[in-house]
PDB file of N, CA and C in Angstrom:
ATOM      1  N   MET A   1      60.988 204.400   1.604  1.00  0.00           N
ATOM      2  CA  MET A   1      60.425 205.444   0.122  1.00  0.00           C
ATOM      3  C   MET A   1      61.413 206.517  -0.285  1.00  0.00           C
ATOM      4  N   LEU A   2      61.414 206.530  -1.861  1.00  0.00           N
ATOM      5  CA  LEU A   2      62.472 207.509  -1.858  1.00  0.00           C
ATOM      6  C   LEU A   2      62.008 208.007  -3.414  1.00  0.00           C
ATOM      7  N   VAL A   3      61.989 209.179  -3.066  1.00  0.00           N
ATOM      8  CA  VAL A   3      61.599 210.524  -3.979  1.00  0.00           C
ATOM      9  C   VAL A   3      62.187 210.890  -5.026  1.00  0.00           C
ATOM     10  N   GLY A   4      62.129 211.199  -5.612  1.00  0.00           N
ATOM     11  CA  GLY A   4      63.297 212.006  -7.077  1.00  0.00           C
ATOM     12  C   GLY A   4      62.516 213.444  -7.353  1.00  0.00           C
ATOM     13  N   TYR A   5      63.273 214.691  -6.963  1.00  0.00           N
ATOM     14  CA  TYR A   5      63.255 215.572  -7.113  1.00  0.00           C
ATOM     15  C   TYR A   5      63.546 216.378  -8.407  1.00  0.00           C
ATOM     16  N   GLU A   6      63.254 217.597  -9.391  1.00  0.00           N
ATOM     17  CA  GLU A   6      63.718 218.474 -10.542  1.00  0.00           C
ATOM     18  C   GLU A   6      63.371 219.319 -10.317  1.00  0.00           C
ATOM     19  N   ASP A   7      64.463 220.580  -9.721  1.00  0.00           N
ATOM     20  CA  ASP A   7      64.328 222.034  -8.991  1.00  0.00           C
ATOM     21  C   ASP A   7      63.011 221.903  -8.245  1.00  0.00           C
ATOM     22  N   GLU A   8      63.407 221.295  -7.113  1.00  0.00           N
ATOM     23  CA  GLU A   8      62.302 220.828  -5.949  1.00  0.00           C
ATOM     24  C   GLU A   8      60.907 220.419  -6.005  1.00  0.00           C
ATOM     25  N   LYS A   9      60.890 219.937  -7.459  1.00  0.00           N
ATOM     26  CA  LYS A   9      59.540 219.615  -7.736  1.00  0.00           C
ATOM     27  C   LYS A   9      59.592 217.797  -7.291  1.00  0.00           C
ATOM     28  N   PRO A  10      58.656 217.441  -6.586  1.00  0.00           N
ATOM     29  CA  PRO A  10      58.905 216.058  -6.665  1.00  0.00           C
ATOM     30  C   PRO A  10      58.549 215.097  -8.086  1.00  0.00           C
ATOM     31  N   ILE A  11      59.202 214.456  -8.692  1.00  0.00           N
ATOM     32  CA  ILE A  11      58.960 214.170 -10.215  1.00  0.00           C
ATOM     33  C   ILE A  11      58.922 212.272 -10.314  1.00  0.00           C
ATOM     34  N   ALA A  12      59.418 211.749  -8.933  1.00  0.00           N
ATOM     35  CA  ALA A  12      59.295 210.274  -9.139  1.00  0.00           C
ATOM     36  C   ALA A  12      59.617 209.763  -8.055  1.00  0.00           C
ATOM     37  N   CYS A  13      59.426 208.484  -8.108  1.00  0.00           N
ATOM     38  CA  CYS A  13      59.055 208.153  -6.513  1.00  0.00           C
ATOM     39  C   CYS A  13      59.212 206.641  -6.984  1.00  0.00           C
ATOM     40  N   ILE A  14      60.250 205.796  -5.825  1.00  0.00           N
ATOM     41  CA  ILE A  14      60.175 204.312  -6.092  1.00  0.00           C
ATOM     42  C   ILE A  14      60.291 203.927  -4.078  1.00  0.00           C
ATOM     43  N   ALA A  15      59.657 202.893  -3.991  1.00  0.00           N
ATOM     44  CA  ALA A  15      59.789 202.039  -2.476  1.00  0.00           C
ATOM     45  C   ALA A  15      60.778 201.003  -2.513  1.00  0.00           C
ATOM     46  N   ILE A  16      61.230 200.360  -1.170  1.00  0.00           N
ATOM     47  CA  ILE A  16      62.003 199.501  -0.732  1.00  0.00           C
ATOM     48  C   ILE A  16      60.891 198.874   0.401  1.00  0.00           C
ATOM     49  N   ARG A  17      60.638 197.220   0.022  1.00  0.00           N
ATOM     50  CA  ARG A  17      60.223 196.897   0.883  1.00  0.00           C
ATOM     51  C   ARG A  17      60.961 195.268   1.193  1.00  0.00           C
ATOM     52  N   LYS A  18      60.634 194.954   3.021  1.00  0.00           N
ATOM     53  CA  LYS A  18      61.941 193.977   3.236  1.00  0.00           C
ATOM     54  C   LYS A  18      60.770 192.819   3.003  1.00  0.00           C
ATOM     55  N   ILE A  19      61.441 192.011   2.687  1.00  0.00           N
ATOM     56  CA  ILE A  19      60.668 190.387   2.393  1.00  0.00           C
ATOM     57  C   ILE A  19      61.074 189.772   3.881  1.00  0.00           C
ATOM     58  N   ASP A  20      62.659 189.745   3.683  1.00  0.00           N
ATOM     59  CA  ASP A  20      63.419 188.965   5.206  1.00  0.00           C
ATOM     60  C   ASP A  20      64.920 189.853   5.009  1.00  0.00           C
ATOM     61  N   ASP A  21      65.519 189.588   6.078  1.00  0.00           N
ATOM     62  CA  ASP A  21      66.563 189.981   6.309  1.00  0.00           C
ATOM     63  C   ASP A  21      67.914 190.016   5.212  1.00  0.00           C
ATOM     64  N   GLU A  22      67.589 189.284   4.263  1.00  0.00           N
ATOM     65  CA  GLU A  22      68.681 189.004   2.989  1.00  0.00           C
ATOM     66  C   GLU A  22      67.982 189.824   1.896  1.00  0.00           C
ATOM     67  N   THR A  23      66.290 189.900   1.560  1.00  0.00           N
ATOM     68  CA  THR A  23      65.612 190.135   0.467  1.00  0.00           C
ATOM     69  C   THR A  23      64.525 191.704   0.920  1.00  0.00           C
ATOM     70  N   CYS A  24      64.528 192.276  -0.269  1.00  0.00           N
ATOM     71  CA  CYS A  24      63.654 193.586  -0.270  1.00  0.00           C
ATOM     72  C   CYS A  24      63.734 193.346  -1.805  1.00  0.00           C
ATOM     73  N   GLU A  25      62.133 194.213  -1.712  1.00  0.00           N
ATOM     74  CA  GLU A  25      61.411 194.148  -2.680  1.00  0.00           C
ATOM     75  C   GLU A  25      61.374 195.666  -3.454  1.00  0.00           C
ATOM     76  N   ALA A  26      61.524 195.822  -4.665  1.00  0.00           N
ATOM     77  CA  ALA A  26      61.491 197.369  -4.985  1.00  0.00           C
ATOM     78  C   ALA A  26      59.880 197.435  -5.322  1.00  0.00           C
ATOM     79  N   LYS A  27      59.580 198.683  -5.313  1.00  0.00           N
ATOM     80  CA  LYS A  27      57.647 198.492  -5.244  1.00  0.00           C
ATOM     81  C   LYS A  27      57.790 199.938  -5.908  1.00  0.00           C
ATOM     82  N   ARG A  28      56.290 200.086  -6.831  1.00  0.00           N
ATOM     83  CA  ARG A  28      55.980 201.581  -7.495  1.00  0.00           C
ATOM     84  C   ARG A  28      56.941 202.127  -7.997  1.00  0.00           C
ATOM     85  N   LEU A  29      58.138 201.863  -8.892  1.00  0.00           N
ATOM     86  CA  LEU A  29      58.730 202.970  -9.224  1.00  0.00           C
ATOM     87  C   LEU A  29      57.403 203.563 -10.275  1.00  0.00           C
ATOM     88  N   PHE A  30      57.485 204.841 -10.529  1.00  0.00           N
ATOM     89  CA  PHE A  30      57.172 206.219 -11.021  1.00  0.00           C
ATOM     90  C   PHE A  30      57.447 207.490 -11.130  1.00  0.00           C
ATOM     91  N   ILE A  31      57.275 207.456 -12.534  1.00  0.00           N
ATOM     92  CA  ILE A  31      58.200 208.689 -12.786  1.00  0.00           C
ATOM     93  C   ILE A  31      56.664 209.223 -13.678  1.00  0.00           C
ATOM     94  N   LYS A  32      56.682 210.488 -13.117  1.00  0.00           N
ATOM     95  CA  LYS A  32      55.211 211.798 -14.115  1.00  0.00           C
ATOM     96  C   LYS A  32      55.737 211.610 -15.291  1.00  0.00           C
ATOM     97  N   PRO A  33      54.102 211.281 -15.881  1.00  0.00           N
ATOM     98  CA  PRO A  33      54.647 211.490 -17.271  1.00  0.00           C
ATOM     99  C   PRO A  33      55.029 212.382 -18.313  1.00  0.00           C
ATOM    100  N   GLU A  34      55.179 213.759 -18.107  1.00  0.00           N
ATOM    101  CA  GLU A  34      56.271 214.594 -18.428  1.00  0.00           C
ATOM    102  C   GLU A  34      57.650 214.555 -18.031  1.00  0.00           C
ATOM    103  N   TYR A  35      58.088 213.652 -17.597  1.00  0.00           N
ATOM    104  CA  TYR A  35      59.396 213.748 -17.279  1.00  0.00           C
ATOM    105  C   TYR A  35      59.662 212.370 -17.562  1.00  0.00           C
ATOM    106  N   ARG A  36      58.987 211.453 -18.075  1.00  0.00           N
ATOM    107  CA  ARG A  36      59.519 210.203 -18.526  1.00  0.00           C
ATOM    108  C   ARG A  36      60.740 210.488 -19.988  1.00  0.00           C
ATOM    109  N   GLY A  37      61.484 209.549 -20.200  1.00  0.00           N
ATOM    110  CA  GLY A  37      62.383 209.797 -21.762  1.00  0.00           C
ATOM    111  C   GLY A  37      63.716 210.545 -21.003  1.00  0.00           C
ATOM    112  N   LYS A  38      63.956 211.026 -19.739  1.00  0.00           N
ATOM    113  CA  LYS A  38      64.978 211.751 -19.522  1.00  0.00           C
ATOM    114  C   LYS A  38      66.002 210.725 -18.406  1.00  0.00           C
ATOM    115  N   GLY A  39      65.896 209.786 -18.013  1.00  0.00           N
ATOM    116  CA  GLY A  39      66.802 208.762 -17.063  1.00  0.00           C
ATOM    117  C   GLY A  39      66.134 208.665 -15.885  1.00  0.00           C
ATOM    118  N   TYR A  40      65.665 209.476 -15.369  1.00  0.00           N
ATOM    119  CA  TYR A  40      65.117 209.280 -14.499  1.00  0.00           C
ATOM    120  C   TYR A  40      65.130 207.659 -13.557  1.00  0.00           C
ATOM    121  N   ALA A  41      63.806 207.076 -14.537  1.00  0.00           N
ATOM    122  CA  ALA A  41      63.831 205.788 -14.340  1.00  0.00           C
ATOM    123  C   ALA A  41      64.798 204.776 -13.605  1.00  0.00           C
ATOM    124  N   ARG A  42      66.269 205.419 -14.617  1.00  0.00           N
ATOM    125  CA  ARG A  42      67.451 204.386 -14.269  1.00  0.00           C
ATOM    126  C   ARG A  42      67.667 205.347 -12.958  1.00  0.00           C
ATOM    127  N   ILE A  43      68.022 206.594 -12.705  1.00  0.00           N
ATOM    128  CA  ILE A  43      68.570 207.142 -11.483  1.00  0.00           C
ATOM    129  C   ILE A  43      67.923 206.957 -10.451  1.00  0.00           C
ATOM    130  N   MET A  44      66.812 206.281  -9.960  1.00  0.00           N
ATOM    131  CA  MET A  44      65.769 206.336  -8.977  1.00  0.00           C
ATOM    132  C   MET A  44      66.062 204.489  -8.674  1.00  0.00           C
ATOM    133  N   LEU A  45      66.283 203.361 -10.010  1.00  0.00           N
ATOM    134  CA  LEU A  45      66.552 202.341  -9.573  1.00  0.00           C
ATOM    135  C   LEU A  45      68.196 202.450  -9.060  1.00  0.00           C
ATOM    136  N   ASN A  46      68.954 202.890  -9.643  1.00  0.00           N
ATOM    137  CA  ASN A  46      70.311 202.734  -9.321  1.00  0.00           C
ATOM    138  C   ASN A  46      70.739 203.416  -7.705  1.00  0.00           C
ATOM    139  N   THR A  47      69.656 204.539  -7.266  1.00  0.00           N
ATOM    140  CA  THR A  47      69.672 204.740  -6.048  1.00  0.00           C
ATOM    141  C   THR A  47      68.992 203.834  -5.242  1.00  0.00           C
ATOM    142  N   MET A  48      67.825 203.372  -5.737  1.00  0.00           N
ATOM    143  CA  MET A  48      67.170 201.763  -4.843  1.00  0.00           C
ATOM    144  C   MET A  48      68.182 201.264  -4.353  1.00  0.00           C
ATOM    145  N   ILE A  49      69.219 200.737  -5.584  1.00  0.00           N
ATOM    146  CA  ILE A  49      70.282 199.311  -5.473  1.00  0.00           C
ATOM    147  C   ILE A  49      70.923 200.223  -4.103  1.00  0.00           C
ATOM    148  N   GLU A  50      71.350 200.749  -4.198  1.00  0.00           N
ATOM    149  CA  GLU A  50      72.287 201.797  -3.163  1.00  0.00           C
ATOM    150  C   GLU A  50      71.477 201.604  -1.643  1.00  0.00           C
ATOM    151  N   LYS A  51      70.900 201.991  -2.021  1.00  0.00           N
ATOM    152  CA  LYS A  51      70.018 202.460  -0.448  1.00  0.00           C
ATOM    153  C   LYS A  51      69.638 200.537   0.181  1.00  0.00           C
ATOM    154  N   ALA A  52      69.436 199.766  -0.953  1.00  0.00           N
ATOM    155  CA  ALA A  52      68.745 198.081  -0.556  1.00  0.00           C
ATOM    156  C   ALA A  52      70.456 197.710  -0.007  1.00  0.00           C
ATOM    157  N   GLU A  53      71.345 198.194  -0.599  1.00  0.00           N
ATOM    158  CA  GLU A  53      73.118 198.014   0.044  1.00  0.00           C
ATOM    159  C   GLU A  53      73.091 198.408   1.135  1.00  0.00           C
ATOM    160  N   GLU A  54      72.812 199.648   1.196  1.00  0.00           N
ATOM    161  CA  GLU A  54      73.227 200.187   2.482  1.00  0.00           C
ATOM    162  C   GLU A  54      72.252 199.807   3.633  1.00  0.00           C
ATOM    163  N   LEU A  55      71.073 198.837   3.352  1.00  0.00           N
ATOM    164  CA  LEU A  55      70.312 198.514   4.393  1.00  0.00           C
ATOM    165  C   LEU A  55      70.697 197.436   5.063  1.00  0.00           C
ATOM    166  N   GLY A  56      71.877 196.989   4.251  1.00  0.00           N
ATOM    167  CA  GLY A  56      72.822 195.692   4.030  1.00  0.00           C
ATOM    168  C   GLY A  56      71.567 194.017   3.523  1.00  0.00           C
ATOM    169  N   PHE A  57      70.151 194.466   2.507  1.00  0.00           N
ATOM    170  CA  PHE A  57      70.049 193.238   1.715  1.00  0.00           C
ATOM    171  C   PHE A  57      71.123 192.768   0.950  1.00  0.00           C
ATOM    172  N   GLU A  58      70.958 191.745   0.188  1.00  0.00           N
ATOM    173  CA  GLU A  58      71.392 190.990  -0.664  1.00  0.00           C
ATOM    174  C   GLU A  58      70.730 190.304  -1.498  1.00  0.00           C
ATOM    175  N   GLU A  59      69.787 191.015  -2.041  1.00  0.00           N
ATOM    176  CA  GLU A  59      69.076 190.459  -3.246  1.00  0.00           C
ATOM    177  C   GLU A  59      68.060 191.405  -3.192  1.00  0.00           C
ATOM    178  N   VAL A  60      67.581 192.102  -4.319  1.00  0.00           N
ATOM    179  CA  VAL A  60      66.429 192.803  -4.782  1.00  0.00           C
ATOM    180  C   VAL A  60      65.248 192.576  -5.477  1.00  0.00           C
ATOM    181  N   MET A  61      64.325 191.915  -5.603  1.00  0.00           N
ATOM    182  CA  MET A  61      63.312 191.273  -6.232  1.00  0.00           C
ATOM    183  C   MET A  61      61.979 192.578  -6.976  1.00  0.00           C
ATOM    184  N   PHE A  62      61.790 192.381  -7.608  1.00  0.00           N
ATOM    185  CA  PHE A  62      60.778 193.023  -8.440  1.00  0.00           C
ATOM    186  C   PHE A  62      59.688 192.312  -9.645  1.00  0.00           C
ATOM    187  N   THR A  63      58.654 192.916  -9.636  1.00  0.00           N
ATOM    188  CA  THR A  63      57.791 192.297 -10.807  1.00  0.00           C
ATOM    189  C   THR A  63      57.384 193.278 -11.300  1.00  0.00           C
ATOM    190  N   THR A  64      57.041 192.754 -12.499  1.00  0.00           N
ATOM    191  CA  THR A  64      56.610 193.755 -13.652  1.00  0.00           C
ATOM    192  C   THR A  64      55.631 193.203 -14.734  1.00  0.00           C
ATOM    193  N   LYS A  65      54.947 193.727 -15.300  1.00  0.00           N
ATOM    194  CA  LYS A  65      53.947 193.465 -16.465  1.00  0.00           C
ATOM    195  C   LYS A  65      54.484 193.879 -17.395  1.00  0.00           C
ATOM    196  N   PRO A  66      55.365 192.901 -18.414  1.00  0.00           N
ATOM    197  CA  PRO A  66      55.809 193.633 -19.324  1.00  0.00           C
ATOM    198  C   PRO A  66      54.889 193.967 -20.801  1.00  0.00           C
ATOM    199  N   SER A  67      54.125 193.470 -20.558  1.00  0.00           N
ATOM    200  CA  SER A  67      52.730 193.894 -21.803  1.00  0.00           C
ATOM    201  C   SER A  67      52.317 195.315 -21.460  1.00  0.00           C
ATOM    202  N   VAL A  68      52.563 195.618 -20.583  1.00  0.00           N
ATOM    203  CA  VAL A  68      51.921 196.695 -20.121  1.00  0.00           C
ATOM    204  C   VAL A  68      53.238 197.958 -19.890  1.00  0.00           C
ATOM    205  N   MET A  69      53.846 197.126 -19.181  1.00  0.00           N
ATOM    206  CA  MET A  69      55.459 198.122 -19.246  1.00  0.00           C
ATOM    207  C   MET A  69      56.740 197.920 -19.965  1.00  0.00           C
ATOM    208  N   SER A  70      56.465 197.749 -21.050  1.00  0.00           N
ATOM    209  CA  SER A  70      57.814 197.179 -22.105  1.00  0.00           C
ATOM    210  C   SER A  70      58.907 198.290 -22.195  1.00  0.00           C
ATOM    211  N   ILE A  71      58.731 199.353 -21.623  1.00  0.00           N
ATOM    212  CA  ILE A  71      59.811 199.897 -21.761  1.00  0.00           C
ATOM    213  C   ILE A  71      60.849 199.883 -20.688  1.00  0.00           C
ATOM    214  N   GLY A  72      59.961 199.686 -19.667  1.00  0.00           N
ATOM    215  CA  GLY A  72      60.708 199.766 -17.834  1.00  0.00           C
ATOM    216  C   GLY A  72      60.930 198.238 -18.172  1.00  0.00           C
ATOM    217  N   TYR A  73      60.546 196.983 -18.168  1.00  0.00           N
ATOM    218  CA  TYR A  73      60.949 195.715 -18.387  1.00  0.00           C
ATOM    219  C   TYR A  73      61.834 195.977 -19.059  1.00  0.00           C
ATOM    220  N   GLY A  74      62.191 196.624 -20.017  1.00  0.00           N
ATOM    221  CA  GLY A  74      63.619 196.782 -20.812  1.00  0.00           C
ATOM    222  C   GLY A  74      64.867 197.262 -20.218  1.00  0.00           C
ATOM    223  N   LEU A  75      64.389 198.187 -19.309  1.00  0.00           N
ATOM    224  CA  LEU A  75      65.648 198.638 -18.312  1.00  0.00           C
ATOM    225  C   LEU A  75      65.851 197.992 -17.368  1.00  0.00           C
ATOM    226  N   TYR A  76      65.064 197.311 -16.718  1.00  0.00           N
ATOM    227  CA  TYR A  76      65.393 196.078 -15.594  1.00  0.00           C
ATOM    228  C   TYR A  76      65.991 195.121 -16.220  1.00  0.00           C
ATOM    229  N   LYS A  77      65.878 194.903 -17.374  1.00  0.00           N
ATOM    230  CA  LYS A  77      66.904 193.505 -18.135  1.00  0.00           C
ATOM    231  C   LYS A  77      67.814 194.053 -18.636  1.00  0.00           C
ATOM    232  N   ARG A  78      68.203 195.287 -18.946  1.00  0.00           N
ATOM    233  CA  ARG A  78      69.478 196.047 -19.211  1.00  0.00           C
ATOM    234  C   ARG A  78      70.144 196.496 -17.813  1.00  0.00           C
ATOM    235  N   MET A  79      69.502 196.593 -16.790  1.00  0.00           N
ATOM    236  CA  MET A  79      70.413 196.956 -15.393  1.00  0.00           C
ATOM    237  C   MET A  79      71.074 195.747 -14.749  1.00  0.00           C
ATOM    238  N   GLY A  80      70.300 194.361 -15.466  1.00  0.00           N
ATOM    239  CA  GLY A  80      71.045 193.457 -14.651  1.00  0.00           C
ATOM    240  C   GLY A  80      69.946 192.795 -13.657  1.00  0.00           C
ATOM    241  N   PHE A  81      68.303 193.036 -13.918  1.00  0.00           N
ATOM    242  CA  PHE A  81      67.542 191.713 -13.407  1.00  0.00           C
ATOM    243  C   PHE A  81      67.221 190.784 -13.983  1.00  0.00           C
ATOM    244  N   GLU A  82      67.383 189.748 -13.495  1.00  0.00           N
ATOM    245  CA  GLU A  82      66.838 188.587 -14.305  1.00  0.00           C
ATOM    246  C   GLU A  82      65.471 187.904 -14.103  1.00  0.00           C
ATOM    247  N   GLU A  83      64.701 187.160 -15.080  1.00  0.00           N
ATOM    248  CA  GLU A  83      63.700 186.999 -14.731  1.00  0.00           C
ATOM    249  C   GLU A  83      63.873 185.586 -14.036  1.00  0.00           C
ATOM    250  N   VAL A  84      62.939 185.165 -13.145  1.00  0.00           N
ATOM    251  CA  VAL A  84      62.848 184.572 -12.103  1.00  0.00           C
ATOM    252  C   VAL A  84      61.619 182.824 -12.326  1.00  0.00           C
ATOM    253  N   SER A  85      60.434 184.202 -12.899  1.00  0.00           N
ATOM    254  CA  SER A  85      59.108 183.240 -12.844  1.00  0.00           C
ATOM    255  C   SER A  85      58.706 184.171 -13.797  1.00  0.00           C
ATOM    256  N   GLU A  86      57.096 183.735 -14.185  1.00  0.00           N
ATOM    257  CA  GLU A  86      56.118 184.479 -14.911  1.00  0.00           C
ATOM    258  C   GLU A  86      54.974 183.508 -14.502  1.00  0.00           C
ATOM    259  N   LYS A  87      54.053 184.287 -14.202  1.00  0.00           N
ATOM    260  CA  LYS A  87      52.675 183.824 -14.013  1.00  0.00           C
ATOM    261  C   LYS A  87      51.229 184.661 -14.436  1.00  0.00           C
ATOM    262  N   ASP A  88      50.832 184.887 -15.103  1.00  0.00           N
ATOM    263  CA  ASP A  88      49.713 185.382 -15.773  1.00  0.00           C
ATOM    264  C   ASP A  88      50.317 186.868 -16.321  1.00  0.00           C
ATOM    265  N   GLY A  89      51.153 186.738 -16.987  1.00  0.00           N
ATOM    266  CA  GLY A  89      51.571 188.015 -17.509  1.00  0.00           C
ATOM    267  C   GLY A  89      52.542 188.755 -16.682  1.00  0.00           C
ATOM    268  N   ILE A  90      52.839 188.392 -15.317  1.00  0.00           N
ATOM    269  CA  ILE A  90      53.624 189.114 -14.329  1.00  0.00           C
ATOM    270  C   ILE A  90      54.621 188.267 -14.052  1.00  0.00           C
ATOM    271  N   VAL A  91      55.857 189.074 -14.504  1.00  0.00           N
ATOM    272  CA  VAL A  91      57.237 188.592 -14.151  1.00  0.00           C
ATOM    273  C   VAL A  91      57.316 188.827 -13.063  1.00  0.00           C
ATOM    274  N   SER A  92      58.904 187.958 -12.307  1.00  0.00           N
ATOM    275  CA  SER A  92      59.366 188.405 -11.517  1.00  0.00           C
ATOM    276  C   SER A  92      60.870 188.466 -11.585  1.00  0.00           C
ATOM    277  N   MET A  93      61.051 189.150 -11.221  1.00  0.00           N
ATOM    278  CA  MET A  93      62.444 189.285 -11.506  1.00  0.00           C
ATOM    279  C   MET A  93      63.323 189.832 -10.204  1.00  0.00           C
ATOM    280  N   ARG A  94      64.653 189.675 -10.192  1.00  0.00           N
ATOM    281  CA  ARG A  94      65.871 189.710  -9.142  1.00  0.00           C
ATOM    282  C   ARG A  94      67.328 190.096  -9.878  1.00  0.00           C
ATOM    283  N   MET A  95      67.524 190.516  -8.815  1.00  0.00           N
ATOM    284  CA  MET A  95      69.189 190.760  -8.642  1.00  0.00           C
ATOM    285  C   MET A  95      70.018 190.557  -7.535  1.00  0.00           C
ATOM    286  N   GLU A  96      71.332 189.881  -7.556  1.00  0.00           N
ATOM    287  CA  GLU A  96      71.469 190.147  -6.418  1.00  0.00           C
ATOM    288  C   GLU A  96      72.680 191.158  -5.610  1.00  0.00           C
ATOM    289  N   LEU A  97      72.753 192.072  -5.245  1.00  0.00           N
ATOM    290  CA  LEU A  97      73.296 192.999  -4.653  1.00  0.00           C
ATOM    291  C   LEU A  97      75.306 192.361  -4.046  1.00  0.00           C
TER     292      LEU A  97
END
């Protein structure tokens, strides 16, 4: 679990869950509403990617629901995550490290 702070206040989090020795899943990216739009999501994702590489993973998976989280979905695509599947409105995405 990675926690992001502003002025010593926790404002963001994201978790890394091991799937197997090569693959992890990013889970629960959250930015407190009053801190959204300030670039913290990108910072948290970049930090998570760096940590995943440091832990030896070769791929990061992520799931999202674009109809609910369209801003996040757009960010994931801009950062290089690619769609691998979609079922019932939930999109699985991946990034090779």
